[in-house]
PDB file of N, CA and C in Angstrom:
ATOM      1  N   UNK A   1      20.610  41.383 -18.179  1.00  0.00           N
ATOM      2  CA  UNK A   1      21.058  40.014 -17.826  1.00  0.00           C
ATOM      3  C   UNK A   1      21.210  39.886 -16.317  1.00  0.00           C
ATOM      4  N   UNK A   2      20.259  39.036 -15.686  1.00  0.00           N
ATOM      5  CA  UNK A   2      19.724  38.631 -14.537  1.00  0.00           C
ATOM      6  C   UNK A   2      21.268  37.981 -13.894  1.00  0.00           C
ATOM      7  N   UNK A   3      21.282  37.965 -12.886  1.00  0.00           N
ATOM      8  CA  UNK A   3      22.261  37.658 -11.710  1.00  0.00           C
ATOM      9  C   UNK A   3      22.230  35.883 -12.033  1.00  0.00           C
ATOM     10  N   UNK A   4      21.187  35.457 -11.545  1.00  0.00           N
ATOM     11  CA  UNK A   4      20.550  34.380 -11.796  1.00  0.00           C
ATOM     12  C   UNK A   4      21.535  33.337 -13.168  1.00  0.00           C
ATOM     13  N   UNK A   5      20.903  34.198 -14.309  1.00  0.00           N
ATOM     14  CA  UNK A   5      21.295  33.671 -15.857  1.00  0.00           C
ATOM     15  C   UNK A   5      22.853  33.786 -15.581  1.00  0.00           C
ATOM     16  N   UNK A   6      23.398  34.859 -15.481  1.00  0.00           N
ATOM     17  CA  UNK A   6      24.826  34.765 -15.911  1.00  0.00           C
ATOM     18  C   UNK A   6      25.334  33.229 -14.704  1.00  0.00           C
ATOM     19  N   UNK A   7      24.901  33.479 -13.385  1.00  0.00           N
ATOM     20  CA  UNK A   7      24.862  32.082 -12.425  1.00  0.00           C
ATOM     21  C   UNK A   7      25.135  31.072 -13.408  1.00  0.00           C
ATOM     22  N   UNK A   8      23.759  30.357 -14.069  1.00  0.00           N
ATOM     23  CA  UNK A   8      23.470  29.607 -14.808  1.00  0.00           C
ATOM     24  C   UNK A   8      24.326  29.467 -15.934  1.00  0.00           C
ATOM     25  N   UNK A   9      24.533  30.068 -16.821  1.00  0.00           N
ATOM     26  CA  UNK A   9      25.302  29.957 -17.849  1.00  0.00           C
ATOM     27  C   UNK A   9      26.996  29.716 -17.113  1.00  0.00           C
ATOM     28  N   UNK A  10      27.523  30.420 -16.446  1.00  0.00           N
ATOM     29  CA  UNK A  10      28.759  29.939 -15.671  1.00  0.00           C
ATOM     30  C   UNK A  10      28.596  28.618 -15.261  1.00  0.00           C
ATOM     31  N   UNK A  11      28.053  28.274 -14.399  1.00  0.00           N
ATOM     32  CA  UNK A  11      27.463  26.935 -14.172  1.00  0.00           C
ATOM     33  C   UNK A  11      27.712  25.944 -15.430  1.00  0.00           C
ATOM     34  N   UNK A  12      26.841  26.065 -16.299  1.00  0.00           N
ATOM     35  CA  UNK A  12      26.756  25.401 -17.724  1.00  0.00           C
ATOM     36  C   UNK A  12      27.883  25.227 -18.296  1.00  0.00           C
ATOM     37  N   UNK A  13      28.858  26.547 -18.665  1.00  0.00           N
ATOM     38  CA  UNK A  13      30.229  26.576 -19.259  1.00  0.00           C
ATOM     39  C   UNK A  13      31.150  25.515 -18.530  1.00  0.00           C
ATOM     40  N   UNK A  14      30.977  25.940 -16.990  1.00  0.00           N
ATOM     41  CA  UNK A  14      31.715  24.757 -16.315  1.00  0.00           C
ATOM     42  C   UNK A  14      31.733  23.220 -16.354  1.00  0.00           C
ATOM     43  N   UNK A  15      30.075  22.623 -16.408  1.00  0.00           N
ATOM     44  CA  UNK A  15      29.617  21.370 -16.607  1.00  0.00           C
ATOM     45  C   UNK A  15      30.133  20.801 -18.336  1.00  0.00           C
ATOM     46  N   UNK A  16      30.132  21.797 -19.117  1.00  0.00           N
ATOM     47  CA  UNK A  16      30.168  21.635 -20.511  1.00  0.00           C
ATOM     48  C   UNK A  16      31.957  21.029 -20.395  1.00  0.00           C
ATOM     49  N   UNK A  17      32.787  21.827 -19.841  1.00  0.00           N
ATOM     50  CA  UNK A  17      34.111  21.558 -19.906  1.00  0.00           C
ATOM     51  C   UNK A  17      34.524  20.659 -19.067  1.00  0.00           C
ATOM     52  N   UNK A  18      33.913  20.403 -17.934  1.00  0.00           N
ATOM     53  CA  UNK A  18      34.196  19.010 -16.763  1.00  0.00           C
ATOM     54  C   UNK A  18      33.791  18.075 -18.090  1.00  0.00           C
ATOM     55  N   UNK A  19      32.335  18.048 -18.236  1.00  0.00           N
ATOM     56  CA  UNK A  19      32.170  16.565 -19.234  1.00  0.00           C
ATOM     57  C   UNK A  19      32.916  16.147 -20.593  1.00  0.00           C
ATOM     58  N   UNK A  20      33.438  17.487 -21.121  1.00  0.00           N
ATOM     59  CA  UNK A  20      34.917  17.020 -22.062  1.00  0.00           C
ATOM     60  C   UNK A  20      36.047  16.698 -21.913  1.00  0.00           C
ATOM     61  N   UNK A  21      36.469  17.151 -20.625  1.00  0.00           N
ATOM     62  CA  UNK A  21      37.631  16.281 -19.848  1.00  0.00           C
ATOM     63  C   UNK A  21      37.229  15.049 -19.673  1.00  0.00           C
ATOM     64  N   UNK A  22      36.156  14.933 -19.223  1.00  0.00           N
ATOM     65  CA  UNK A  22      35.751  13.264 -18.868  1.00  0.00           C
ATOM     66  C   UNK A  22      35.731  12.313 -20.048  1.00  0.00           C
ATOM     67  N   UNK A  23      35.104  13.194 -21.098  1.00  0.00           N
ATOM     68  CA  UNK A  23      35.211  12.174 -22.831  1.00  0.00           C
ATOM     69  C   UNK A  23      36.506  12.260 -23.202  1.00  0.00           C
ATOM     70  N   UNK A  24      37.391  13.162 -22.812  1.00  0.00           N
ATOM     71  CA  UNK A  24      38.803  13.409 -23.539  1.00  0.00           C
ATOM     72  C   UNK A  24      39.242  11.748 -22.514  1.00  0.00           C
ATOM     73  N   UNK A  25      39.482  12.107 -21.823  1.00  0.00           N
ATOM     74  CA  UNK A  25      39.803  10.895 -20.578  1.00  0.00           C
ATOM     75  C   UNK A  25      39.542   9.740 -21.009  1.00  0.00           C
ATOM     76  N   UNK A  26      38.201   9.428 -21.084  1.00  0.00           N
ATOM     77  CA  UNK A  26      37.913   7.951 -21.328  1.00  0.00           C
ATOM     78  C   UNK A  26      38.389   7.292 -23.419  1.00  0.00           C
ATOM     79  N   UNK A  27      38.276   8.762 -23.869  1.00  0.00           N
ATOM     80  CA  UNK A  27      38.906   8.265 -25.524  1.00  0.00           C
ATOM     81  C   UNK A  27      40.746   8.555 -25.787  1.00  0.00           C
ATOM     82  N   UNK A  28      41.162   8.604 -24.596  1.00  0.00           N
ATOM     83  CA  UNK A  28      42.514   8.430 -24.263  1.00  0.00           C
ATOM     84  C   UNK A  28      43.101   7.364 -23.710  1.00  0.00           C
ATOM     85  N   UNK A  29      41.940   7.011 -22.610  1.00  0.00           N
ATOM     86  CA  UNK A  29      42.202   5.201 -22.564  1.00  0.00           C
ATOM     87  C   UNK A  29      41.697   4.397 -23.286  1.00  0.00           C
ATOM     88  N   UNK A  30      41.592   4.740 -24.333  1.00  0.00           N
ATOM     89  CA  UNK A  30      40.638   3.349 -24.979  1.00  0.00           C
ATOM     90  C   UNK A  30      41.683   2.339 -25.919  1.00  0.00           C
ATOM     91  N   UNK A  31      43.117   2.398 -25.542  1.00  0.00           N
ATOM     92  CA  UNK A  31      43.902   1.652 -26.025  1.00  0.00           C
ATOM     93  C   UNK A  31      43.714   0.337 -25.057  1.00  0.00           C
ATOM     94  N   UNK A  32      44.698  -0.807 -25.060  1.00  0.00           N
ATOM     95  CA  UNK A  32      44.871  -2.402 -24.023  1.00  0.00           C
ATOM     96  C   UNK A  32      44.978  -1.990 -22.704  1.00  0.00           C
ATOM     97  N   UNK A  33      44.423  -2.694 -22.254  1.00  0.00           N
ATOM     98  CA  UNK A  33      44.575  -2.779 -20.743  1.00  0.00           C
ATOM     99  C   UNK A  33      46.323  -2.986 -20.330  1.00  0.00           C
ATOM    100  N   UNK A  34      46.636  -2.862 -19.139  1.00  0.00           N
ATOM    101  CA  UNK A  34      47.581  -3.224 -18.935  1.00  0.00           C
ATOM    102  C   UNK A  34      47.694  -4.679 -18.627  1.00  0.00           C
ATOM    103  N   UNK A  35      48.769  -5.635 -18.853  1.00  0.00           N
ATOM    104  CA  UNK A  35      48.968  -6.541 -18.863  1.00  0.00           C
ATOM    105  C   UNK A  35      48.955  -7.435 -17.060  1.00  0.00           C
ATOM    106  N   UNK A  36      49.150  -6.272 -16.150  1.00  0.00           N
ATOM    107  CA  UNK A  36      49.263  -6.489 -14.868  1.00  0.00           C
ATOM    108  C   UNK A  36      47.988  -6.437 -14.357  1.00  0.00           C
ATOM    109  N   UNK A  37      47.360  -7.702 -14.041  1.00  0.00           N
ATOM    110  CA  UNK A  37      45.889  -8.191 -13.267  1.00  0.00           C
ATOM    111  C   UNK A  37      45.289  -6.776 -12.447  1.00  0.00           C
ATOM    112  N   UNK A  38      46.815  -6.611 -11.229  1.00  0.00           N
ATOM    113  CA  UNK A  38      46.071  -5.619 -10.288  1.00  0.00           C
ATOM    114  C   UNK A  38      45.889  -4.162 -11.412  1.00  0.00           C
ATOM    115  N   UNK A  39      46.782  -3.906 -12.406  1.00  0.00           N
ATOM    116  CA  UNK A  39      46.607  -2.527 -12.838  1.00  0.00           C
ATOM    117  C   UNK A  39      45.626  -2.765 -13.889  1.00  0.00           C
ATOM    118  N   UNK A  40      45.089  -4.072 -14.288  1.00  0.00           N
ATOM    119  CA  UNK A  40      44.217  -4.044 -15.183  1.00  0.00           C
ATOM    120  C   UNK A  40      42.922  -3.656 -14.126  1.00  0.00           C
ATOM    121  N   UNK A  41      42.921  -4.082 -12.489  1.00  0.00           N
ATOM    122  CA  UNK A  41      41.691  -3.730 -12.146  1.00  0.00           C
ATOM    123  C   UNK A  41      41.440  -2.387 -11.641  1.00  0.00           C
ATOM    124  N   UNK A  42      42.638  -2.079 -11.449  1.00  0.00           N
ATOM    125  CA  UNK A  42      43.170  -0.481 -11.408  1.00  0.00           C
ATOM    126  C   UNK A  42      42.089   0.757 -12.326  1.00  0.00           C
ATOM    127  N   UNK A  43      42.630   0.142 -13.496  1.00  0.00           N
ATOM    128  CA  UNK A  43      42.293   0.850 -14.627  1.00  0.00           C
ATOM    129  C   UNK A  43      40.642   1.082 -15.237  1.00  0.00           C
ATOM    130  N   UNK A  44      40.487  -0.187 -15.041  1.00  0.00           N
ATOM    131  CA  UNK A  44      38.760  -0.265 -14.659  1.00  0.00           C
ATOM    132  C   UNK A  44      37.994   0.153 -13.803  1.00  0.00           C
ATOM    133  N   UNK A  45      38.579  -0.447 -12.951  1.00  0.00           N
ATOM    134  CA  UNK A  45      37.968   0.921 -11.829  1.00  0.00           C
ATOM    135  C   UNK A  45      38.001   2.725 -12.000  1.00  0.00           C
ATOM    136  N   UNK A  46      39.168   2.838 -11.992  1.00  0.00           N
ATOM    137  CA  UNK A  46      39.207   4.488 -12.740  1.00  0.00           C
ATOM    138  C   UNK A  46      38.194   4.801 -13.973  1.00  0.00           C
ATOM    139  N   UNK A  47      38.097   3.662 -14.791  1.00  0.00           N
ATOM    140  CA  UNK A  47      37.113   3.625 -16.078  1.00  0.00           C
ATOM    141  C   UNK A  47      35.551   3.987 -15.316  1.00  0.00           C
ATOM    142  N   UNK A  48      35.294   3.012 -14.512  1.00  0.00           N
ATOM    143  CA  UNK A  48      33.867   3.370 -14.110  1.00  0.00           C
ATOM    144  C   UNK A  48      33.801   4.455 -13.597  1.00  0.00           C
ATOM    145  N   UNK A  49      34.915   5.366 -12.927  1.00  0.00           N
ATOM    146  CA  UNK A  49      34.675   6.236 -11.703  1.00  0.00           C
ATOM    147  C   UNK A  49      34.524   7.881 -12.607  1.00  0.00           C
ATOM    148  N   UNK A  50      35.365   7.487 -13.335  1.00  0.00           N
ATOM    149  CA  UNK A  50      35.136   8.788 -14.542  1.00  0.00           C
ATOM    150  C   UNK A  50      33.616   8.558 -15.326  1.00  0.00           C
ATOM    151  N   UNK A  51      33.057   7.226 -15.433  1.00  0.00           N
ATOM    152  CA  UNK A  51      31.972   7.374 -16.485  1.00  0.00           C
ATOM    153  C   UNK A  51      31.051   7.575 -15.382  1.00  0.00           C
ATOM    154  N   UNK A  52      31.192   7.570 -14.154  1.00  0.00           N
ATOM    155  CA  UNK A  52      30.092   7.872 -13.103  1.00  0.00           C
ATOM    156  C   UNK A  52      29.970   9.922 -12.755  1.00  0.00           C
ATOM    157  N   UNK A  53      31.281   9.671 -13.331  1.00  0.00           N
ATOM    158  CA  UNK A  53      31.352  11.130 -12.959  1.00  0.00           C
ATOM    159  C   UNK A  53      30.986  12.162 -14.274  1.00  0.00           C
ATOM    160  N   UNK A  54      31.328  11.594 -15.369  1.00  0.00           N
ATOM    161  CA  UNK A  54      30.286  12.233 -16.519  1.00  0.00           C
ATOM    162  C   UNK A  54      29.012  11.943 -16.697  1.00  0.00           C
ATOM    163  N   UNK A  55      28.552  11.166 -16.631  1.00  0.00           N
ATOM    164  CA  UNK A  55      27.179  11.019 -16.105  1.00  0.00           C
ATOM    165  C   UNK A  55      26.131  11.819 -15.267  1.00  0.00           C
ATOM    166  N   UNK A  56      27.392  12.004 -14.280  1.00  0.00           N
ATOM    167  CA  UNK A  56      26.681  12.964 -13.514  1.00  0.00           C
ATOM    168  C   UNK A  56      26.590  14.228 -13.733  1.00  0.00           C
ATOM    169  N   UNK A  57      27.933  14.907 -13.924  1.00  0.00           N
ATOM    170  CA  UNK A  57      27.792  16.433 -15.225  1.00  0.00           C
ATOM    171  C   UNK A  57      26.800  16.260 -16.069  1.00  0.00           C
ATOM    172  N   UNK A  58      26.545  15.021 -16.996  1.00  0.00           N
ATOM    173  CA  UNK A  58      25.445  15.489 -17.714  1.00  0.00           C
ATOM    174  C   UNK A  58      24.038  15.858 -17.184  1.00  0.00           C
ATOM    175  N   UNK A  59      23.716  14.887 -16.313  1.00  0.00           N
ATOM    176  CA  UNK A  59      22.270  15.145 -15.614  1.00  0.00           C
ATOM    177  C   UNK A  59      22.528  16.269 -15.177  1.00  0.00           C
ATOM    178  N   UNK A  60      23.484  17.180 -14.156  1.00  0.00           N
ATOM    179  CA  UNK A  60      23.349  18.429 -14.356  1.00  0.00           C
ATOM    180  C   UNK A  60      23.335  19.545 -15.374  1.00  0.00           C
ATOM    181  N   UNK A  61      24.065  19.288 -16.188  1.00  0.00           N
ATOM    182  CA  UNK A  61      23.802  20.095 -17.018  1.00  0.00           C
ATOM    183  C   UNK A  61      22.424  19.997 -17.837  1.00  0.00           C
ATOM    184  N   UNK A  62      22.089  18.785 -17.908  1.00  0.00           N
ATOM    185  CA  UNK A  62      20.498  18.612 -18.311  1.00  0.00           C
ATOM    186  C   UNK A  62      19.634  19.699 -17.601  1.00  0.00           C
ATOM    187  N   UNK A  63      19.762  20.033 -16.131  1.00  0.00           N
ATOM    188  CA  UNK A  63      18.652  20.529 -15.279  1.00  0.00           C
ATOM    189  C   UNK A  63      19.082  21.807 -15.344  1.00  0.00           C
ATOM    190  N   UNK A  64      20.718  22.595 -15.754  1.00  0.00           N
ATOM    191  CA  UNK A  64      20.975  23.570 -15.731  1.00  0.00           C
ATOM    192  C   UNK A  64      20.561  24.219 -16.882  1.00  0.00           C
ATOM    193  N   UNK A  65      20.337  23.485 -18.237  1.00  0.00           N
ATOM    194  CA  UNK A  65      19.849  23.703 -19.392  1.00  0.00           C
ATOM    195  C   UNK A  65      18.171  23.924 -19.210  1.00  0.00           C
ATOM    196  N   UNK A  66      17.509  23.366 -18.508  1.00  0.00           N
ATOM    197  CA  UNK A  66      16.430  23.392 -18.751  1.00  0.00           C
ATOM    198  C   UNK A  66      15.762  24.441 -17.495  1.00  0.00           C
ATOM    199  N   UNK A  67      16.569  24.684 -16.574  1.00  0.00           N
ATOM    200  CA  UNK A  67      16.799  26.308 -15.716  1.00  0.00           C
ATOM    201  C   UNK A  67      16.875  27.281 -16.276  1.00  0.00           C
ATOM    202  N   UNK A  68      17.653  27.192 -17.344  1.00  0.00           N
ATOM    203  CA  UNK A  68      17.869  28.646 -18.554  1.00  0.00           C
ATOM    204  C   UNK A  68      16.999  28.715 -18.893  1.00  0.00           C
ATOM    205  N   UNK A  69      16.340  27.593 -19.832  1.00  0.00           N
ATOM    206  CA  UNK A  69      14.860  27.961 -20.890  1.00  0.00           C
ATOM    207  C   UNK A  69      14.114  28.650 -19.736  1.00  0.00           C
ATOM    208  N   UNK A  70      13.980  27.982 -18.780  1.00  0.00           N
ATOM    209  CA  UNK A  70      12.396  28.765 -17.360  1.00  0.00           C
ATOM    210  C   UNK A  70      13.060  30.202 -17.563  1.00  0.00           C
ATOM    211  N   UNK A  71      14.340  30.267 -17.451  1.00  0.00           N
ATOM    212  CA  UNK A  71      14.544  31.996 -17.130  1.00  0.00           C
ATOM    213  C   UNK A  71      14.389  32.708 -18.127  1.00  0.00           C
ATOM    214  N   UNK A  72      14.965  32.129 -19.390  1.00  0.00           N
ATOM    215  CA  UNK A  72      14.526  33.212 -20.455  1.00  0.00           C
ATOM    216  C   UNK A  72      13.008  32.969 -21.205  1.00  0.00           C
ATOM    217  N   UNK A  73      12.324  31.905 -20.597  1.00  0.00           N
ATOM    218  CA  UNK A  73      11.000  32.536 -20.835  1.00  0.00           C
ATOM    219  C   UNK A  73      10.354  32.572 -20.022  1.00  0.00           C
ATOM    220  N   UNK A  74      11.036  33.453 -18.868  1.00  0.00           N
ATOM    221  CA  UNK A  74      10.798  34.571 -17.638  1.00  0.00           C
ATOM    222  C   UNK A  74       9.690  33.847 -16.425  1.00  0.00           C
ATOM    223  N   UNK A  75       9.764  32.114 -16.381  1.00  0.00           N
ATOM    224  CA  UNK A  75       9.525  31.619 -15.471  1.00  0.00           C
ATOM    225  C   UNK A  75      10.447  31.128 -14.721  1.00  0.00           C
ATOM    226  N   UNK A  76      11.524  31.791 -14.446  1.00  0.00           N
ATOM    227  CA  UNK A  76      12.735  31.139 -13.880  1.00  0.00           C
ATOM    228  C   UNK A  76      12.827  31.371 -12.447  1.00  0.00           C
ATOM    229  N   UNK A  77      11.654  32.005 -11.382  1.00  0.00           N
ATOM    230  CA  UNK A  77      11.756  32.373 -10.220  1.00  0.00           C
ATOM    231  C   UNK A  77      10.179  31.609  -9.937  1.00  0.00           C
ATOM    232  N   UNK A  78       9.768  30.374 -10.171  1.00  0.00           N
ATOM    233  CA  UNK A  78       8.221  30.151 -10.173  1.00  0.00           C
ATOM    234  C   UNK A  78       8.547  28.652 -10.274  1.00  0.00           C
ATOM    235  N   UNK A  79       8.106  28.044  -9.221  1.00  0.00           N
ATOM    236  CA  UNK A  79       7.935  27.094  -9.277  1.00  0.00           C
ATOM    237  C   UNK A  79       6.832  26.074 -10.407  1.00  0.00           C
ATOM    238  N   UNK A  80       7.546  24.934 -10.722  1.00  0.00           N
ATOM    239  CA  UNK A  80       6.955  25.058 -12.153  1.00  0.00           C
ATOM    240  C   UNK A  80       6.103  23.353 -11.516  1.00  0.00           C
ATOM    241  N   UNK A  81       6.176  23.714 -10.160  1.00  0.00           N
ATOM    242  CA  UNK A  81       5.021  22.380  -9.705  1.00  0.00           C
ATOM    243  C   UNK A  81       3.599  22.798  -9.314  1.00  0.00           C
ATOM    244  N   UNK A  82       4.182  23.929  -8.549  1.00  0.00           N
ATOM    245  CA  UNK A  82       2.610  24.686  -8.055  1.00  0.00           C
ATOM    246  C   UNK A  82       2.240  26.244  -8.304  1.00  0.00           C
ATOM    247  N   UNK A  83       3.727  27.091  -8.917  1.00  0.00           N
ATOM    248  CA  UNK A  83       3.614  28.231  -9.746  1.00  0.00           C
ATOM    249  C   UNK A  83       3.952  29.612  -8.563  1.00  0.00           C
ATOM    250  N   UNK A  84       4.078  29.124  -7.234  1.00  0.00           N
ATOM    251  CA  UNK A  84       4.433  29.864  -6.142  1.00  0.00           C
ATOM    252  C   UNK A  84       6.109  29.904  -6.740  1.00  0.00           C
ATOM    253  N   UNK A  85       6.420  31.389  -6.052  1.00  0.00           N
ATOM    254  CA  UNK A  85       7.813  32.043  -6.323  1.00  0.00           C
ATOM    255  C   UNK A  85       8.936  31.269  -5.229  1.00  0.00           C
ATOM    256  N   UNK A  86       9.781  30.499  -5.960  1.00  0.00           N
ATOM    257  CA  UNK A  86      10.945  29.863  -5.167  1.00  0.00           C
ATOM    258  C   UNK A  86      11.271  31.011  -4.534  1.00  0.00           C
ATOM    259  N   UNK A  87      11.598  30.559  -3.153  1.00  0.00           N
ATOM    260  CA  UNK A  87      12.568  31.224  -2.034  1.00  0.00           C
ATOM    261  C   UNK A  87      13.563  31.550  -2.916  1.00  0.00           C
ATOM    262  N   UNK A  88      14.030  32.826  -2.817  1.00  0.00           N
ATOM    263  CA  UNK A  88      15.436  33.051  -3.350  1.00  0.00           C
ATOM    264  C   UNK A  88      16.900  32.546  -2.572  1.00  0.00           C
ATOM    265  N   UNK A  89      16.723  32.033  -1.200  1.00  0.00           N
ATOM    266  CA  UNK A  89      17.641  31.508  -0.477  1.00  0.00           C
ATOM    267  C   UNK A  89      17.957  30.004  -1.142  1.00  0.00           C
ATOM    268  N   UNK A  90      16.960  29.247  -1.853  1.00  0.00           N
ATOM    269  CA  UNK A  90      17.111  28.026  -2.360  1.00  0.00           C
ATOM    270  C   UNK A  90      17.370  28.332  -3.575  1.00  0.00           C
ATOM    271  N   UNK A  91      17.240  29.245  -4.419  1.00  0.00           N
ATOM    272  CA  UNK A  91      17.937  29.717  -5.592  1.00  0.00           C
ATOM    273  C   UNK A  91      19.491  29.954  -5.566  1.00  0.00           C
ATOM    274  N   UNK A  92      19.774  30.366  -4.600  1.00  0.00           N
ATOM    275  CA  UNK A  92      21.236  30.748  -4.417  1.00  0.00           C
ATOM    276  C   UNK A  92      21.866  29.297  -4.204  1.00  0.00           C
ATOM    277  N   UNK A  93      21.179  28.420  -3.416  1.00  0.00           N
ATOM    278  CA  UNK A  93      21.761  27.541  -2.639  1.00  0.00           C
ATOM    279  C   UNK A  93      22.049  25.909  -3.774  1.00  0.00           C
ATOM    280  N   UNK A  94      20.881  26.494  -5.147  1.00  0.00           N
ATOM    281  CA  UNK A  94      20.450  25.690  -5.972  1.00  0.00           C
ATOM    282  C   UNK A  94      20.286  26.315  -6.925  1.00  0.00           C
ATOM    283  N   UNK A  95      21.148  27.065  -7.540  1.00  0.00           N
ATOM    284  CA  UNK A  95      20.747  28.021  -8.702  1.00  0.00           C
ATOM    285  C   UNK A  95      19.526  27.015  -9.977  1.00  0.00           C
ATOM    286  N   UNK A  96      19.976  25.923 -10.445  1.00  0.00           N
ATOM    287  CA  UNK A  96      18.902  25.078 -11.433  1.00  0.00           C
ATOM    288  C   UNK A  96      17.727  24.377 -10.885  1.00  0.00           C
ATOM    289  N   UNK A  97      17.446  24.778  -9.431  1.00  0.00           N
ATOM    290  CA  UNK A  97      16.024  23.893  -9.206  1.00  0.00           C
ATOM    291  C   UNK A  97      14.990  24.727  -9.803  1.00  0.00           C
ATOM    292  N   UNK A  98      14.364  24.123  -9.857  1.00  0.00           N
ATOM    293  CA  UNK A  98      12.649  24.534 -10.903  1.00  0.00           C
ATOM    294  C   UNK A  98      11.578  24.327  -9.925  1.00  0.00           C
ATOM    295  N   UNK A  99      11.967  23.821  -8.690  1.00  0.00           N
ATOM    296  CA  UNK A  99      10.976  24.025  -7.681  1.00  0.00           C
ATOM    297  C   UNK A  99      10.969  24.602  -6.459  1.00  0.00           C
ATOM    298  N   UNK A 100       9.892  24.694  -5.535  1.00  0.00           N
ATOM    299  CA  UNK A 100      10.228  25.417  -4.089  1.00  0.00           C
ATOM    300  C   UNK A 100      10.449  24.107  -3.260  1.00  0.00           C
ATOM    301  N   UNK A 101      10.818  24.177  -2.213  1.00  0.00           N
ATOM    302  CA  UNK A 101      10.950  23.518  -1.302  1.00  0.00           C
ATOM    303  C   UNK A 101       9.987  22.999  -1.236  1.00  0.00           C
ATOM    304  N   UNK A 102       8.564  23.149  -0.970  1.00  0.00           N
ATOM    305  CA  UNK A 102       7.753  22.170  -0.718  1.00  0.00           C
ATOM    306  C   UNK A 102       7.374  21.080  -1.666  1.00  0.00           C
ATOM    307  N   UNK A 103       7.646  21.532  -3.058  1.00  0.00           N
ATOM    308  CA  UNK A 103       7.238  20.581  -3.866  1.00  0.00           C
ATOM    309  C   UNK A 103       8.516  19.440  -3.832  1.00  0.00           C
ATOM    310  N   UNK A 104       9.412  20.157  -3.830  1.00  0.00           N
ATOM    311  CA  UNK A 104      10.898  18.748  -3.928  1.00  0.00           C
ATOM    312  C   UNK A 104      10.887  18.190  -2.560  1.00  0.00           C
ATOM    313  N   UNK A 105       9.935  18.429  -1.371  1.00  0.00           N
ATOM    314  CA  UNK A 105       9.648  17.463  -0.390  1.00  0.00           C
ATOM    315  C   UNK A 105       8.934  16.776  -0.955  1.00  0.00           C
ATOM    316  N   UNK A 106       7.638  16.728  -1.668  1.00  0.00           N
ATOM    317  CA  UNK A 106       6.749  15.890  -1.882  1.00  0.00           C
ATOM    318  C   UNK A 106       7.642  15.013  -3.090  1.00  0.00           C
ATOM    319  N   UNK A 107       8.156  15.872  -3.945  1.00  0.00           N
ATOM    320  CA  UNK A 107       8.608  14.959  -4.997  1.00  0.00           C
ATOM    321  C   UNK A 107       9.430  13.832  -5.044  1.00  0.00           C
TER     322      UNK A 107
END
């Protein structure tokens, strides 16, 4: 197994765990709001932050899964836009990237 695949799988596992924590938090908060209007405001604001974090984790997980599939298909180091090799420094910085720096800047 390649180092990149191991890195992507570790990131995938971390994102799944994070996503599950956010989901559990939302389910735990499913009860009625506090009677105090200020507490209600804070609860709603916290829920919005958790929702945004969960969406961010889900989006990143989708990218990681896509990158893992490309690695499994033998295309993980090639830009899916132009077909050129992706610089290893870019892959180290953003392991789930599927495009080279030039194509990322164009996109």
